[in-house]
Amino acid sequence: MATAKVTDSSFDADVLGASGPVVVDFWAEWCGPCRMIAPALEEIQAEMAGKVTIAKLNIDENPDIAVRYGVRSIPTLILFKDGEPTSIQVGAAPKSRLADWIKGAI
């Protein structure tokens, strides 16, 4: 299962209204580290299917949500539970560290 895409208009329903935890990856096409962690996030999504949803939000196309959550550098990953941001990871990290962060946060 691939990572989901969210937009400014779908964010409230897809992320804040989700029944389980959602990790939102704030990224952009021009961001090398963002592209570097994308395959790891897709693998984590597959491995943790049913436990967490990983969604990507392109900040160039959807600036409102990034501003709402104070995202200043990318990649920034924010884990949302019950509509609230509960944990933040800024910057690229190896897959094992990303997986451990998600497991520890959900």
C-alpha atoms as a PDB file:
ATOM      1  CA  MET A   1       0.000   0.000   0.000  1.00  0.00           C
ATOM      2  CA  ALA A   2       1.453   3.321  -1.037  1.00  0.00           C
ATOM      3  CA  THR A   3       1.476   6.393   1.130  1.00  0.00           C
ATOM      4  CA  ALA A   4      -1.654   8.538   0.885  1.00  0.00           C
ATOM      5  CA  LYS A   5      -1.658  12.059  -0.502  1.00  0.00           C
ATOM      6  CA  VAL A   6      -3.413  14.811   1.419  1.00  0.00           C
ATOM      7  CA  THR A   7      -4.130  18.395   0.454  1.00  0.00           C
ATOM      8  CA  ASP A   8      -5.159  21.577   2.238  1.00  0.00           C
ATOM      9  CA  SER A   9      -8.780  20.743   1.404  1.00  0.00           C
ATOM     10  CA  SER A  10      -8.690  17.053   2.412  1.00  0.00           C
ATOM     11  CA  PHE A  11      -6.457  17.406   5.496  1.00  0.00           C
ATOM     12  CA  ASP A  12      -9.158  17.877   8.131  1.00  0.00           C
ATOM     13  CA  ALA A  13     -11.117  14.817   6.967  1.00  0.00           C
ATOM     14  CA  ASP A  14      -8.172  12.565   6.061  1.00  0.00           C
ATOM     15  CA  VAL A  15      -5.873  13.351   8.983  1.00  0.00           C
ATOM     16  CA  LEU A  16      -7.759  15.048  11.817  1.00  0.00           C
ATOM     17  CA  GLY A  17     -10.809  12.837  11.270  1.00  0.00           C
ATOM     18  CA  ALA A  18      -8.859   9.575  10.876  1.00  0.00           C
ATOM     19  CA  SER A  19      -9.742   6.698  13.174  1.00  0.00           C
ATOM     20  CA  GLY A  20      -6.097   5.746  13.784  1.00  0.00           C
ATOM     21  CA  PRO A  21      -2.748   7.525  13.986  1.00  0.00           C
ATOM     22  CA  VAL A  22      -1.565   9.359  10.872  1.00  0.00           C
ATOM     23  CA  VAL A  23       2.006  10.436  10.091  1.00  0.00           C
ATOM     24  CA  VAL A  24       2.040  13.413   7.721  1.00  0.00           C
ATOM     25  CA  ASP A  25       5.204  13.852   5.669  1.00  0.00           C
ATOM     26  CA  PHE A  26       5.576  17.540   4.750  1.00  0.00           C
ATOM     27  CA  TRP A  27       7.690  17.519   1.572  1.00  0.00           C
ATOM     28  CA  ALA A  28       8.352  19.170  -1.811  1.00  0.00           C
ATOM     29  CA  GLU A  29       9.572  17.963  -5.219  1.00  0.00           C
ATOM     30  CA  TRP A  30      12.805  19.989  -4.984  1.00  0.00           C
ATOM     31  CA  CYS A  31      13.767  18.585  -1.563  1.00  0.00           C
ATOM     32  CA  GLY A  32      16.475  15.920  -1.888  1.00  0.00           C
ATOM     33  CA  PRO A  33      16.195  14.568   1.682  1.00  0.00           C
ATOM     34  CA  CYS A  34      12.400  14.320   1.209  1.00  0.00           C
ATOM     35  CA  ARG A  35      12.890  12.117  -1.840  1.00  0.00           C
ATOM     36  CA  MET A  36      15.517  10.132   0.052  1.00  0.00           C
ATOM     37  CA  ILE A  37      13.143   9.062   2.858  1.00  0.00           C
ATOM     38  CA  ALA A  38      10.104   8.447   0.600  1.00  0.00           C
ATOM     39  CA  PRO A  39      10.921   4.757  -0.121  1.00  0.00           C
ATOM     40  CA  ALA A  40      11.514   4.105   3.596  1.00  0.00           C
ATOM     41  CA  LEU A  41       8.144   5.645   4.466  1.00  0.00           C
ATOM     42  CA  GLU A  42       6.426   3.466   1.848  1.00  0.00           C
ATOM     43  CA  GLU A  43       8.070   0.349   3.319  1.00  0.00           C
ATOM     44  CA  ILE A  44       7.046   1.374   6.851  1.00  0.00           C
ATOM     45  CA  GLN A  45       3.475   1.962   5.595  1.00  0.00           C
ATOM     46  CA  ALA A  46       3.403  -1.591   4.186  1.00  0.00           C
ATOM     47  CA  GLU A  47       4.945  -3.133   7.302  1.00  0.00           C
ATOM     48  CA  MET A  48       2.663  -1.269   9.707  1.00  0.00           C
ATOM     49  CA  ALA A  49      -0.545  -1.446   7.652  1.00  0.00           C
ATOM     50  CA  GLY A  50      -3.546  -1.202   9.931  1.00  0.00           C
ATOM     51  CA  LYS A  51      -1.532   0.396  12.750  1.00  0.00           C
ATOM     52  CA  VAL A  52      -0.686   3.747  11.176  1.00  0.00           C
ATOM     53  CA  THR A  53      -1.374   5.690   8.002  1.00  0.00           C
ATOM     54  CA  ILE A  54       1.440   7.612   6.335  1.00  0.00           C
ATOM     55  CA  ALA A  55       0.317  10.580   4.279  1.00  0.00           C
ATOM     56  CA  LYS A  56       2.317  13.034   2.172  1.00  0.00           C
ATOM     57  CA  LEU A  57       1.536  16.727   1.907  1.00  0.00           C
ATOM     58  CA  ASN A  58       3.333  18.747  -0.782  1.00  0.00           C
ATOM     59  CA  ILE A  59       3.991  22.123   0.859  1.00  0.00           C
ATOM     60  CA  ASP A  60       4.362  23.937  -2.479  1.00  0.00           C
ATOM     61  CA  GLU A  61       0.878  22.875  -3.564  1.00  0.00           C
ATOM     62  CA  ASN A  62      -0.670  23.021  -0.072  1.00  0.00           C
ATOM     63  CA  PRO A  63       0.954  25.818   1.956  1.00  0.00           C
ATOM     64  CA  ASP A  64      -1.940  26.440   4.370  1.00  0.00           C
ATOM     65  CA  ILE A  65      -1.536  23.286   6.464  1.00  0.00           C
ATOM     66  CA  ALA A  66       2.254  23.719   6.657  1.00  0.00           C
ATOM     67  CA  VAL A  67       1.733  27.249   7.980  1.00  0.00           C
ATOM     68  CA  ARG A  68      -0.965  26.048  10.416  1.00  0.00           C
ATOM     69  CA  TYR A  69       1.492  23.601  12.023  1.00  0.00           C
ATOM     70  CA  GLY A  70       4.547  25.850  11.849  1.00  0.00           C
ATOM     71  CA  VAL A  71       6.521  23.684   9.411  1.00  0.00           C
ATOM     72  CA  ARG A  72       9.654  25.691   8.597  1.00  0.00           C
ATOM     73  CA  SER A  73      11.991  23.054   7.186  1.00  0.00           C
ATOM     74  CA  ILE A  74      11.400  19.850   5.292  1.00  0.00           C
ATOM     75  CA  PRO A  75      11.152  16.977   5.525  1.00  0.00           C
ATOM     76  CA  THR A  76       9.069  17.333   8.672  1.00  0.00           C
ATOM     77  CA  LEU A  77       6.992  14.389   9.863  1.00  0.00           C
ATOM     78  CA  ILE A  78       4.139  15.053  12.290  1.00  0.00           C
ATOM     79  CA  LEU A  79       2.230  12.230  13.947  1.00  0.00           C
ATOM     80  CA  PHE A  80      -1.434  12.991  14.615  1.00  0.00           C
ATOM     81  CA  LYS A  81      -3.567  11.020  17.069  1.00  0.00           C
ATOM     82  CA  ASP A  82      -7.239  11.807  17.613  1.00  0.00           C
ATOM     83  CA  GLY A  83      -6.854  14.996  15.577  1.00  0.00           C
ATOM     84  CA  GLU A  84      -3.925  16.319  17.616  1.00  0.00           C
ATOM     85  CA  PRO A  85      -0.236  16.552  16.661  1.00  0.00           C
ATOM     86  CA  THR A  86       1.527  14.365  19.242  1.00  0.00           C
ATOM     87  CA  SER A  87       5.070  13.915  17.917  1.00  0.00           C
ATOM     88  CA  ILE A  88       7.376  15.634  15.415  1.00  0.00           C
ATOM     89  CA  GLN A  89      10.464  14.415  13.542  1.00  0.00           C
ATOM     90  CA  VAL A  90      12.373  17.050  11.569  1.00  0.00           C
ATOM     91  CA  GLY A  91      14.905  16.104   8.917  1.00  0.00           C
ATOM     92  CA  ALA A  92      15.760  12.920   7.083  1.00  0.00           C
ATOM     93  CA  ALA A  93      16.627   9.809   9.094  1.00  0.00           C
ATOM     94  CA  PRO A  94      17.360   6.169   8.297  1.00  0.00           C
ATOM     95  CA  LYS A  95      14.372   3.862   7.931  1.00  0.00           C
ATOM     96  CA  SER A  96      15.084   2.112  11.241  1.00  0.00           C
ATOM     97  CA  ARG A  97      15.035   5.409  13.119  1.00  0.00           C
ATOM     98  CA  LEU A  98      11.834   6.545  11.386  1.00  0.00           C
ATOM     99  CA  ALA A  99      10.164   3.207  12.174  1.00  0.00           C
ATOM    100  CA  ASP A 100      11.272   3.363  15.823  1.00  0.00           C
ATOM    101  CA  TRP A 101       9.978   6.941  16.114  1.00  0.00           C
ATOM    102  CA  ILE A 102       6.592   5.952  14.686  1.00  0.00           C
ATOM    103  CA  LYS A 103       6.323   2.811  16.858  1.00  0.00           C
ATOM    104  CA  GLY A 104       7.242   4.824  19.927  1.00  0.00           C
ATOM    105  CA  ALA A 105       4.682   7.503  19.123  1.00  0.00           C
ATOM    106  CA  ILE A 106       1.612   5.377  18.310  1.00  0.00           C
END
